[in-house]
Amino acid sequence: MSRNTVDTDSGAVEAEGATPRPGYGRLLRTPGAWTFLIPGFAARQPFAMLTIGIVLLVQHTTGSYGAAGAVAAVTGVSMALFAPQSGKLADRYGQRAVLIPGVMIHAAAVAALVTLTLMGAPLWALFVAALPTGASVPQVGPMVRSRWAALLGPSGPDRDSDPASGSDPTSGANAGRGSGRRDSSSLLPTAAAFESVTDEFTFVIGPVLATALCAGVHPAAGLIAEATLTLVGGLLFAAQRATEPRSDRHGRRGGSAEPRVSALSVPGVRVLAVALLGIGSVFGGMQVSLTAFAEEIGDPGVNGLLYGIFAAGNMLAGIVCGAVAWKIGPRRRLLVGYAMLTLAASVLWTAHSVPLLAGLGLLVGLCIAPSLITSYTLVESLVPASARTEAFTWLTGAVALGQAAAVTTAGQLADAHGAGAGFLVPLMGTALALTTLLVLRSRLAPKAPGRVAARGMSHRAPVTVD
C-alpha cells in the first residue's frame, strides 16, 4: 500500500510508488484538449499585445512616454481589479456566460480608445476609455488552466462518473469520460508547465506582432489586431462546451459542490500574488525601457527584436522546466528561481549596446519562467477546485497590476533620465517581492494528499483536504 511523505522545509510532497511524470506528448493526446487550446491561444493575446499597443499608439500621438505609460497603467489596474471578479463569475455561472459578453465589450472598448487617441482627445478621456478596456480583458489563460484541472484532476472525470457522488457524468467537461483516466492527475504538473510555456510563447508572439504592425502598418494596427484576435478567439473558445468545467451553480444543484470560499482567503495565494506583482514589474519595465532605448539609438525597429529575445528566454526556460522531474519541492524552487531573477534584473541598467542588452534580456527571460510555472503549480495544492479559476485570475491580475505600475514608473524615469533609469524598475519590483517571499515562505507549504482535516471523535469520518 502506498504512503505519502511530506517535506515541511521545502513543501515537497512525494508519493511512494508514484509513476514518473508524463511528458508533453501524452498531455496533448488528452481527448478534447486541442479543441480549446488553439482558440485559447488566440484569445489570450490581449495580455501580451494590449500594453505595448497602447504605449506605442499613445506615445506616437502625444510624444510622451509618461502619458503613454499612464494610459497603459490605467488599463492594467482596471484589469487587475476586475479579473478576479471575472474568474469568480466563471466559477459560479460557467465560462461561456462570462466570456461571450466580455469579448464583445472589450472589442468595443478598444475601438473607442483607438478612436479617441487618433482624434487627439485629452488625456483624461483616454483614461476613461482605458477603464473598460482593461476591465473587459478576457481571462482565457485561467479558464484554460481550469479546463485542464477538470479534464485531468482526481475531482473531475473519475469522481464525477461515480453515481455515488451525486453528480451528472454527462455534463460539461465530464461528458464522454470516466473510464481509463484514473492516473490522469499525474499530468497536472505537466499541464501547469505547458500553460506557462504557452504564456511565454504568447509573450514572444504578441509584443513582436504588435510592434511590427505599429511600426510597419499604422500606429493603431497593433490594438486593432489585438481586439480582432480577442473577439474571434474568445467566441471560438466559448463554443467548446464539451470541455467547459461544471459551474458551481450546477454543482450545488446536484448536491456535490464544495463549500464556496474566496481564493484570496488562502494565505498562500496572497503571497503568490505579491511574487507575481514583481514579475509584472519586469514585463512592464522591459516593455517601456526597451522602447525608449530603441528610440535613443535611433532604431525603433530593434525594439521588437530585443523584446522577442527577452520573451524567447521565458519560453525556452518554460519548456525545460516542464520536462524536468524535479526532486526539490515547489516552494524551494520558487525561492531559488526568484533570487536568480532578482540577480539578473540587477544589471539591466548597465547595458548601453544592443548586443549586451539582448544578452541580459535573454538571461532575465530565462529566470522568469521557473517562478511563473512554480507559482501556478502551487495553486493546485493550495486552493480548492471550486475557487481555482478565481485563484488563477488573482495571479494573472497581479502580473497585470505589477506591469501597470512598472509601465508608469519606467515611463516617467525614461522621460526624465533616459532608458537606463527605466531598467531600475524590474530590479526594485523583484527585490521587494523576493523579500516578501522569504519572510512569508511558510504560507506556501502545500497540504499533503489525504491529510485528515477533521478528527478527534471516533464516530466522525475523516475528511480529506483538496
Protein backbone atom coordinates (compact mmCIF):
# COMPACT_ATOMS: atom_id res chain seq x y z
CA MET A 1 0.00 0.00 0.00
CA SER A 2 1.45 3.36 -0.98
CA ARG A 3 2.05 6.07 1.60
CA ASN A 4 2.58 9.81 1.43
CA THR A 5 5.58 11.70 2.84
CA VAL A 6 5.81 15.46 3.30
CA ASP A 7 8.97 17.56 3.42
CA THR A 8 7.87 20.53 5.53
CA ASP A 9 11.01 22.53 4.81
CA SER A 10 10.63 22.54 1.05
CA GLY A 11 6.93 21.97 0.69
CA ALA A 12 7.57 18.87 -1.41
CA VAL A 13 5.03 16.10 -1.38
CA GLU A 14 6.13 12.70 -2.59
CA ALA A 15 4.03 9.62 -3.13
CA GLU A 16 5.76 6.28 -2.71
CA GLY A 17 5.25 4.14 -5.76
CA ALA A 18 4.10 7.09 -7.87
CA THR A 19 4.54 6.77 -11.60
CA PRO A 20 7.06 9.03 -13.37
CA ARG A 21 5.67 12.33 -14.50
CA PRO A 22 4.30 12.06 -18.04
CA GLY A 23 5.56 14.26 -20.84
CA TYR A 24 4.02 16.78 -23.18
CA GLY A 25 3.14 14.16 -25.80
CA ARG A 26 0.77 12.31 -23.52
CA LEU A 27 -0.73 15.57 -22.28
CA LEU A 28 -1.55 16.75 -25.79
CA ARG A 29 -3.22 13.42 -26.56
CA THR A 30 -5.82 14.12 -23.89
CA PRO A 31 -9.23 13.85 -25.60
CA GLY A 32 -10.69 17.26 -26.37
CA ALA A 33 -7.56 19.21 -25.48
CA TRP A 34 -6.89 20.69 -28.91
CA THR A 35 -10.46 21.97 -29.21
CA PHE A 36 -9.79 24.63 -26.56
CA LEU A 37 -6.02 25.05 -26.86
CA ILE A 38 -5.99 26.60 -30.35
CA PRO A 39 -8.76 29.20 -29.87
CA GLY A 40 -7.49 29.77 -26.34
CA PHE A 41 -4.07 30.74 -27.68
CA ALA A 42 -5.58 33.38 -29.97
CA ALA A 43 -7.90 34.72 -27.29
CA ARG A 44 -5.15 35.21 -24.69
CA GLN A 45 -3.18 37.57 -26.93
CA PRO A 46 -4.59 40.73 -25.23
CA PHE A 47 -2.35 40.20 -22.22
CA ALA A 48 0.73 40.29 -24.46
CA MET A 49 -0.36 42.88 -27.04
CA LEU A 50 -2.50 45.36 -25.16
CA THR A 51 0.08 47.21 -23.07
CA ILE A 52 2.70 47.60 -25.78
CA GLY A 53 -0.01 48.54 -28.32
CA ILE A 54 -1.27 51.33 -26.06
CA VAL A 55 2.24 52.58 -25.30
CA LEU A 56 3.19 52.76 -28.99
CA LEU A 57 -0.06 54.43 -30.11
CA VAL A 58 -0.29 57.00 -27.30
CA GLN A 59 3.42 57.84 -27.47
CA HIS A 60 3.05 58.38 -31.22
CA THR A 61 0.20 60.86 -30.79
CA THR A 62 1.41 62.65 -27.63
CA GLY A 63 5.19 62.29 -27.87
CA SER A 64 5.38 61.37 -24.17
CA TYR A 65 6.31 58.01 -22.69
CA GLY A 66 4.93 59.21 -19.38
CA ALA A 67 1.46 59.80 -20.84
CA ALA A 68 1.61 56.50 -22.74
CA GLY A 69 2.64 54.65 -19.61
CA ALA A 70 -0.11 56.29 -17.57
CA VAL A 71 -2.85 55.21 -20.01
CA ALA A 72 -1.43 51.69 -20.12
CA ALA A 73 -1.27 51.70 -16.31
CA VAL A 74 -4.96 52.58 -16.01
CA THR A 75 -5.73 49.65 -18.28
CA GLY A 76 -3.56 47.31 -16.21
CA VAL A 77 -5.01 48.40 -12.89
CA SER A 78 -8.54 48.03 -14.23
CA MET A 79 -7.73 44.54 -15.45
CA ALA A 80 -6.12 43.57 -12.15
CA LEU A 81 -9.17 44.72 -10.19
CA PHE A 82 -11.80 43.12 -12.40
CA ALA A 83 -10.02 39.89 -13.42
CA PRO A 84 -10.68 38.08 -10.11
CA GLN A 85 -14.35 39.03 -10.29
CA SER A 86 -14.48 37.58 -13.79
CA GLY A 87 -12.90 34.37 -12.51
CA LYS A 88 -15.36 34.17 -9.63
CA LEU A 89 -18.30 34.61 -12.01
CA ALA A 90 -16.88 31.93 -14.32
CA ASP A 91 -16.61 29.51 -11.38
CA ARG A 92 -20.20 30.24 -10.41
CA TYR A 93 -22.04 30.60 -13.73
CA GLY A 94 -19.75 28.98 -16.29
CA GLN A 95 -17.05 30.26 -18.63
CA ARG A 96 -19.31 30.73 -21.64
CA ALA A 97 -21.72 33.01 -19.76
CA VAL A 98 -18.84 35.33 -18.82
CA LEU A 99 -16.67 35.13 -21.93
CA ILE A 100 -19.15 35.94 -24.72
CA PRO A 101 -20.29 39.35 -23.41
CA GLY A 102 -16.77 40.05 -22.19
CA VAL A 103 -15.04 39.80 -25.57
CA MET A 104 -17.71 41.93 -27.23
CA ILE A 105 -17.33 44.68 -24.62
CA HIS A 106 -13.55 44.51 -24.95
CA ALA A 107 -13.59 44.90 -28.72
CA ALA A 108 -15.88 47.94 -28.44
CA ALA A 109 -13.74 49.49 -25.69
CA VAL A 110 -10.52 49.10 -27.70
CA ALA A 111 -12.21 50.68 -30.71
CA ALA A 112 -13.23 53.65 -28.56
CA LEU A 113 -9.71 54.03 -27.14
CA VAL A 114 -8.14 53.94 -30.61
CA THR A 115 -10.61 56.49 -31.97
CA LEU A 116 -10.11 58.93 -29.09
CA THR A 117 -6.33 58.66 -29.30
CA LEU A 118 -6.22 59.32 -33.03
CA MET A 119 -8.58 62.28 -32.62
CA GLY A 120 -6.19 63.89 -30.15
CA ALA A 121 -8.57 63.64 -27.22
CA PRO A 122 -7.34 64.96 -23.84
CA LEU A 123 -5.53 62.58 -21.52
CA TRP A 124 -8.48 62.27 -19.13
CA ALA A 125 -10.64 60.97 -21.98
CA LEU A 126 -8.06 58.29 -22.72
CA PHE A 127 -8.10 57.31 -19.06
CA VAL A 128 -11.89 56.94 -19.20
CA ALA A 129 -11.67 54.70 -22.29
CA ALA A 130 -8.83 52.68 -20.74
CA LEU A 131 -11.00 51.61 -17.78
CA PRO A 132 -13.43 49.34 -19.70
CA THR A 133 -10.61 48.24 -21.99
CA GLY A 134 -8.74 46.71 -19.07
CA ALA A 135 -11.78 45.54 -17.14
CA SER A 136 -13.05 43.50 -20.09
CA VAL A 137 -9.81 41.68 -20.95
CA PRO A 138 -10.94 38.02 -21.17
CA GLN A 139 -9.26 35.75 -18.64
CA VAL A 140 -8.69 32.92 -21.09
CA GLY A 141 -5.43 31.70 -19.55
CA PRO A 142 -7.02 30.93 -16.16
CA MET A 143 -10.01 29.40 -17.96
CA VAL A 144 -7.72 27.07 -19.92
CA ARG A 145 -5.97 26.04 -16.70
CA SER A 146 -9.35 25.28 -15.13
CA ARG A 147 -10.26 23.12 -18.11
CA TRP A 148 -7.06 21.12 -17.68
CA ALA A 149 -7.89 20.67 -13.99
CA ALA A 150 -11.41 19.47 -14.88
CA LEU A 151 -10.09 17.07 -17.51
CA LEU A 152 -7.21 15.63 -15.50
CA GLY A 153 -7.85 16.19 -11.81
CA PRO A 154 -9.00 13.48 -9.40
CA SER A 155 -12.13 15.51 -8.70
CA GLY A 156 -13.01 15.54 -12.39
CA PRO A 157 -13.83 12.65 -14.71
CA ASP A 158 -13.46 9.71 -12.41
CA ARG A 159 -15.19 11.09 -9.36
CA ASP A 160 -17.89 12.72 -11.41
CA SER A 161 -18.62 9.47 -13.18
CA ASP A 162 -19.33 7.76 -9.86
CA PRO A 163 -23.08 7.59 -9.27
CA ALA A 164 -22.49 7.74 -5.53
CA SER A 165 -21.08 11.22 -5.84
CA GLY A 166 -24.44 12.64 -6.81
CA SER A 167 -23.02 14.31 -9.92
CA ASP A 168 -24.01 14.12 -13.54
CA PRO A 169 -21.34 12.37 -15.66
CA THR A 170 -22.81 13.69 -18.88
CA SER A 171 -22.49 17.39 -18.27
CA GLY A 172 -19.76 19.82 -19.27
CA ALA A 173 -16.20 18.58 -19.09
CA ASN A 174 -17.38 15.21 -17.78
CA ALA A 175 -19.20 14.21 -20.92
CA GLY A 176 -17.95 11.06 -22.56
CA ARG A 177 -15.25 10.41 -19.95
CA GLY A 178 -14.80 8.47 -16.77
CA SER A 179 -13.06 5.27 -17.75
CA GLY A 180 -9.39 4.61 -18.16
CA ARG A 181 -8.43 8.00 -16.75
CA ARG A 182 -7.66 7.22 -13.10
CA ASP A 183 -4.00 8.15 -13.41
CA SER A 184 -4.64 11.37 -15.31
CA SER A 185 -3.99 13.57 -12.28
CA SER A 186 -0.29 12.80 -12.73
CA LEU A 187 -0.48 15.04 -15.81
CA LEU A 188 -1.45 18.14 -13.80
CA PRO A 189 2.15 19.34 -13.23
CA THR A 190 2.86 18.87 -16.92
CA ALA A 191 -0.29 20.83 -17.79
CA ALA A 192 0.81 23.67 -15.50
CA ALA A 193 4.19 23.77 -17.21
CA PHE A 194 2.62 23.59 -20.66
CA GLU A 195 0.34 26.54 -19.90
CA SER A 196 3.24 28.60 -18.64
CA VAL A 197 5.18 27.77 -21.81
CA THR A 198 2.14 28.84 -23.82
CA ASP A 199 2.01 32.11 -21.88
CA GLU A 200 5.68 32.70 -22.61
CA PHE A 201 5.15 31.90 -26.30
CA THR A 202 2.34 34.43 -26.26
CA PHE A 203 4.82 36.99 -24.96
CA VAL A 204 7.15 36.06 -27.82
CA ILE A 205 4.48 36.49 -30.49
CA GLY A 206 2.25 39.24 -29.04
CA PRO A 207 4.65 42.15 -28.44
CA VAL A 208 6.65 41.42 -31.59
CA LEU A 209 3.46 41.28 -33.67
CA ALA A 210 2.08 44.46 -32.11
CA THR A 211 5.36 46.33 -32.58
CA ALA A 212 5.70 45.19 -36.19
CA LEU A 213 2.15 46.27 -37.02
CA CYS A 214 2.52 49.64 -35.30
CA ALA A 215 5.86 50.35 -36.98
CA GLY A 216 5.12 48.92 -40.42
CA VAL A 217 1.38 49.43 -40.96
CA HIS A 218 -0.13 52.09 -38.69
CA PRO A 219 0.36 53.13 -35.04
CA ALA A 220 -3.14 51.81 -34.27
CA ALA A 221 -2.72 48.50 -36.12
CA GLY A 222 -1.43 46.68 -33.03
CA LEU A 223 -4.54 47.45 -30.98
CA ILE A 224 -6.87 46.70 -33.88
CA ALA A 225 -5.26 43.27 -34.31
CA GLU A 226 -5.49 42.68 -30.55
CA ALA A 227 -9.23 43.41 -30.50
CA THR A 228 -9.84 41.20 -33.54
CA LEU A 229 -7.96 38.23 -32.08
CA THR A 230 -9.77 38.67 -28.79
CA LEU A 231 -13.20 38.67 -30.40
CA VAL A 232 -12.66 35.78 -32.82
CA GLY A 233 -10.59 33.62 -30.48
CA GLY A 234 -12.84 34.27 -27.50
CA LEU A 235 -16.02 33.29 -29.34
CA LEU A 236 -14.39 30.14 -30.69
CA PHE A 237 -13.13 29.23 -27.22
CA ALA A 238 -16.55 29.79 -25.66
CA ALA A 239 -18.09 27.48 -28.28
CA GLN A 240 -16.11 24.49 -26.90
CA ARG A 241 -18.73 23.48 -24.35
CA ALA A 242 -17.72 19.81 -24.10
CA THR A 243 -14.57 20.67 -22.13
CA GLU A 244 -16.02 23.50 -20.04
CA PRO A 245 -15.82 22.78 -16.30
CA ARG A 246 -19.11 22.45 -14.50
CA SER A 247 -20.14 25.70 -12.85
CA ASP A 248 -20.55 25.99 -9.09
CA ARG A 249 -24.26 26.68 -9.60
CA HIS A 250 -24.78 23.34 -11.35
CA GLY A 251 -22.71 21.50 -8.77
CA ARG A 252 -24.82 22.85 -5.94
CA ARG A 253 -28.00 21.75 -7.66
CA GLY A 254 -26.57 18.22 -7.75
CA GLY A 255 -25.60 18.39 -4.09
CA SER A 256 -21.90 17.70 -4.74
CA ALA A 257 -20.33 21.16 -4.67
CA GLU A 258 -17.60 22.13 -2.22
CA PRO A 259 -18.24 24.93 0.29
CA ARG A 260 -17.77 28.24 -1.50
CA VAL A 261 -14.59 30.03 -0.47
CA SER A 262 -12.72 33.03 -1.79
CA ALA A 263 -9.35 32.21 -3.29
CA LEU A 264 -7.89 35.33 -1.70
CA SER A 265 -8.74 33.97 1.75
CA VAL A 266 -5.97 31.39 1.25
CA PRO A 267 -2.76 32.94 2.69
CA GLY A 268 -0.55 31.25 0.10
CA VAL A 269 -2.48 32.88 -2.75
CA ARG A 270 -1.80 36.32 -1.30
CA VAL A 271 1.92 35.56 -1.08
CA LEU A 272 1.98 34.28 -4.66
CA ALA A 273 0.15 37.40 -5.82
CA VAL A 274 2.96 39.53 -4.38
CA ALA A 275 5.51 37.36 -6.20
CA LEU A 276 3.71 37.87 -9.49
CA LEU A 277 3.48 41.61 -8.89
CA GLY A 278 7.27 41.53 -9.09
CA ILE A 279 7.20 39.53 -12.30
CA GLY A 280 4.74 42.03 -13.74
CA SER A 281 7.21 44.80 -12.93
CA VAL A 282 9.75 43.01 -15.12
CA PHE A 283 7.35 42.79 -18.07
CA GLY A 284 6.22 46.42 -17.77
CA GLY A 285 9.68 47.80 -17.12
CA MET A 286 11.18 45.91 -20.05
CA GLN A 287 8.46 46.98 -22.49
CA VAL A 288 8.80 50.71 -21.83
CA SER A 289 12.56 50.76 -21.30
CA LEU A 290 13.33 48.75 -24.42
CA THR A 291 11.10 51.08 -26.45
CA ALA A 292 12.88 54.11 -25.00
CA PHE A 293 16.30 52.52 -25.63
CA ALA A 294 15.42 51.87 -29.28
CA GLU A 295 14.33 55.49 -29.68
CA GLU A 296 17.54 56.75 -28.06
CA ILE A 297 19.78 54.89 -30.50
CA GLY A 298 17.64 55.97 -33.47
CA ASP A 299 16.48 52.48 -34.45
CA PRO A 300 12.84 51.95 -33.32
CA GLY A 301 12.63 48.64 -35.17
CA VAL A 302 15.15 46.99 -32.83
CA ASN A 303 12.60 47.19 -30.02
CA GLY A 304 10.66 44.18 -31.33
CA LEU A 305 13.87 42.17 -31.73
CA LEU A 306 15.07 42.90 -28.20
CA TYR A 307 11.72 42.14 -26.60
CA GLY A 308 11.42 38.98 -28.70
CA ILE A 309 14.78 37.75 -27.38
CA PHE A 310 13.68 38.51 -23.83
CA ALA A 311 10.40 36.64 -24.30
CA ALA A 312 12.12 33.76 -26.10
CA GLY A 313 14.19 33.22 -22.97
CA ASN A 314 10.96 32.87 -20.99
CA MET A 315 9.63 30.29 -23.41
CA LEU A 316 12.81 28.21 -23.62
CA ALA A 317 13.14 28.06 -19.84
CA GLY A 318 9.48 27.09 -19.56
CA ILE A 319 9.93 24.18 -21.96
CA VAL A 320 12.86 22.88 -19.93
CA CYS A 321 11.06 23.31 -16.60
CA GLY A 322 8.10 21.31 -17.85
CA ALA A 323 10.31 18.43 -18.97
CA VAL A 324 12.32 18.14 -15.75
CA ALA A 325 11.29 15.71 -12.99
CA TRP A 326 12.10 17.95 -10.04
CA LYS A 327 13.49 16.42 -6.84
CA ILE A 328 13.02 19.53 -4.71
CA GLY A 329 9.72 20.95 -3.57
CA PRO A 330 7.91 23.78 -5.38
CA ARG A 331 8.35 26.23 -2.50
CA ARG A 332 12.13 25.91 -2.57
CA ARG A 333 12.16 26.08 -6.37
CA LEU A 334 10.22 29.34 -6.22
CA LEU A 335 12.61 30.90 -3.72
CA VAL A 336 15.73 29.88 -5.66
CA GLY A 337 14.26 30.88 -9.02
CA TYR A 338 13.11 34.25 -7.74
CA ALA A 339 16.51 35.01 -6.25
CA MET A 340 18.10 34.30 -9.64
CA LEU A 341 15.55 36.57 -11.34
CA THR A 342 16.33 39.43 -8.96
CA LEU A 343 20.06 39.00 -9.51
CA ALA A 344 19.64 39.02 -13.31
CA ALA A 345 17.43 42.14 -13.20
CA SER A 346 20.01 43.99 -11.11
CA VAL A 347 22.38 44.51 -14.07
CA LEU A 348 19.93 45.61 -16.78
CA TRP A 349 20.59 49.30 -16.19
CA THR A 350 24.26 48.87 -17.08
CA ALA A 351 23.58 47.89 -20.72
CA HIS A 352 24.43 50.54 -23.33
CA SER A 353 24.62 48.49 -26.53
CA VAL A 354 22.20 46.27 -28.44
CA PRO A 355 24.24 43.02 -28.12
CA LEU A 356 24.74 43.47 -24.37
CA LEU A 357 21.11 44.36 -23.76
CA ALA A 358 20.00 41.40 -25.86
CA GLY A 359 22.16 39.05 -23.77
CA LEU A 360 20.98 40.46 -20.46
CA GLY A 361 17.37 40.40 -21.65
CA LEU A 362 17.73 36.75 -22.56
CA LEU A 363 19.15 36.00 -19.11
CA VAL A 364 16.27 37.77 -17.37
CA GLY A 365 13.80 35.91 -19.57
CA LEU A 366 15.36 32.57 -18.68
CA CYS A 367 14.85 33.36 -14.98
CA ILE A 368 11.16 34.31 -15.23
CA ALA A 369 9.58 31.04 -16.38
CA PRO A 370 10.61 28.88 -13.37
CA SER A 371 8.98 31.30 -10.96
CA LEU A 372 5.79 31.61 -13.03
CA ILE A 373 5.41 27.85 -13.51
CA THR A 374 6.00 27.10 -9.85
CA SER A 375 3.52 29.77 -8.73
CA TYR A 376 0.73 28.33 -10.85
CA THR A 377 1.66 24.78 -9.81
CA LEU A 378 1.36 25.71 -6.13
CA VAL A 379 -2.22 26.89 -6.72
CA GLU A 380 -3.25 23.29 -7.45
CA SER A 381 -2.28 22.25 -3.91
CA LEU A 382 -3.29 25.41 -2.05
CA VAL A 383 -6.76 26.20 -3.45
CA PRO A 384 -9.99 24.14 -3.61
CA ALA A 385 -11.20 23.28 -7.10
CA SER A 386 -14.33 25.43 -6.64
CA ALA A 387 -12.18 28.58 -6.42
CA ARG A 388 -9.35 27.68 -8.78
CA THR A 389 -10.33 29.91 -11.71
CA GLU A 390 -10.59 32.83 -9.30
CA ALA A 391 -7.15 31.99 -7.88
CA PHE A 392 -5.59 31.89 -11.34
CA THR A 393 -7.15 35.24 -12.19
CA TRP A 394 -5.77 36.79 -8.98
CA LEU A 395 -2.30 35.75 -10.11
CA THR A 396 -2.90 36.96 -13.66
CA GLY A 397 -4.28 40.21 -12.27
CA ALA A 398 -1.23 40.60 -10.05
CA VAL A 399 1.02 40.36 -13.10
CA ALA A 400 -1.13 42.99 -14.84
CA LEU A 401 -1.06 45.29 -11.80
CA GLY A 402 2.70 44.98 -11.46
CA GLN A 403 3.05 45.61 -15.16
CA ALA A 404 0.84 48.70 -14.95
CA ALA A 405 2.80 50.19 -12.07
CA ALA A 406 6.09 49.43 -13.83
CA VAL A 407 4.93 50.96 -17.11
CA THR A 408 4.02 54.20 -15.33
CA THR A 409 7.18 54.38 -13.25
CA ALA A 410 9.52 53.33 -16.05
CA GLY A 411 7.86 55.81 -18.42
CA GLN A 412 8.42 58.68 -16.01
CA LEU A 413 12.03 57.65 -15.39
CA ALA A 414 12.72 57.21 -19.10
CA ASP A 415 11.31 60.67 -19.88
CA ALA A 416 13.37 62.31 -17.14
CA HIS A 417 16.64 60.35 -17.12
CA GLY A 418 16.73 58.06 -20.16
CA ALA A 419 16.16 54.36 -20.81
CA GLY A 420 18.82 53.24 -18.32
CA ALA A 421 16.80 54.64 -15.41
CA GLY A 422 13.72 52.74 -16.59
CA PHE A 423 15.60 49.45 -16.25
CA LEU A 424 15.83 50.03 -12.49
CA VAL A 425 12.11 49.26 -12.18
CA PRO A 426 12.43 45.45 -12.67
CA LEU A 427 15.14 45.40 -10.01
CA MET A 428 13.03 47.27 -7.46
CA GLY A 429 9.93 45.16 -8.13
CA THR A 430 11.65 41.78 -7.90
CA ALA A 431 13.71 42.74 -4.84
CA LEU A 432 10.60 43.74 -2.88
CA ALA A 433 8.74 40.60 -3.94
CA LEU A 434 11.68 38.35 -3.04
CA THR A 435 11.81 39.87 0.43
CA THR A 436 8.11 39.09 0.89
CA LEU A 437 8.60 35.51 -0.29
CA LEU A 438 11.44 34.92 2.14
CA VAL A 439 9.54 36.33 5.11
CA LEU A 440 6.24 34.53 4.37
CA ARG A 441 7.54 31.33 2.78
CA SER A 442 5.84 29.13 5.40
CA ARG A 443 2.45 30.02 3.93
CA LEU A 444 3.36 28.34 0.64
CA ALA A 445 3.60 24.80 2.06
CA PRO A 446 1.01 22.67 0.22
CA LYS A 447 -1.08 20.19 2.15
CA ALA A 448 -0.27 16.53 1.76
CA PRO A 449 -2.75 14.42 -0.26
CA GLY A 450 -5.05 12.54 2.03
CA ARG A 451 -4.27 14.69 5.05
CA VAL A 452 -7.07 14.47 7.60
CA ALA A 453 -8.71 17.82 8.22
CA ALA A 454 -11.18 16.86 10.96
CA ARG A 455 -10.62 14.16 13.56
CA GLY A 456 -10.76 13.59 17.31
CA MET A 457 -14.24 12.00 17.59
CA SER A 458 -14.34 8.31 16.78
CA HIS A 459 -17.73 8.45 15.08
CA ARG A 460 -16.70 11.17 12.61
CA ALA A 461 -15.33 10.03 9.27
CA PRO A 462 -12.03 11.57 8.17
CA VAL A 463 -12.38 14.41 5.67
CA THR A 464 -9.64 14.73 3.03
CA VAL A 465 -8.39 18.16 2.11
CA ASP A 466 -8.02 19.14 -1.53
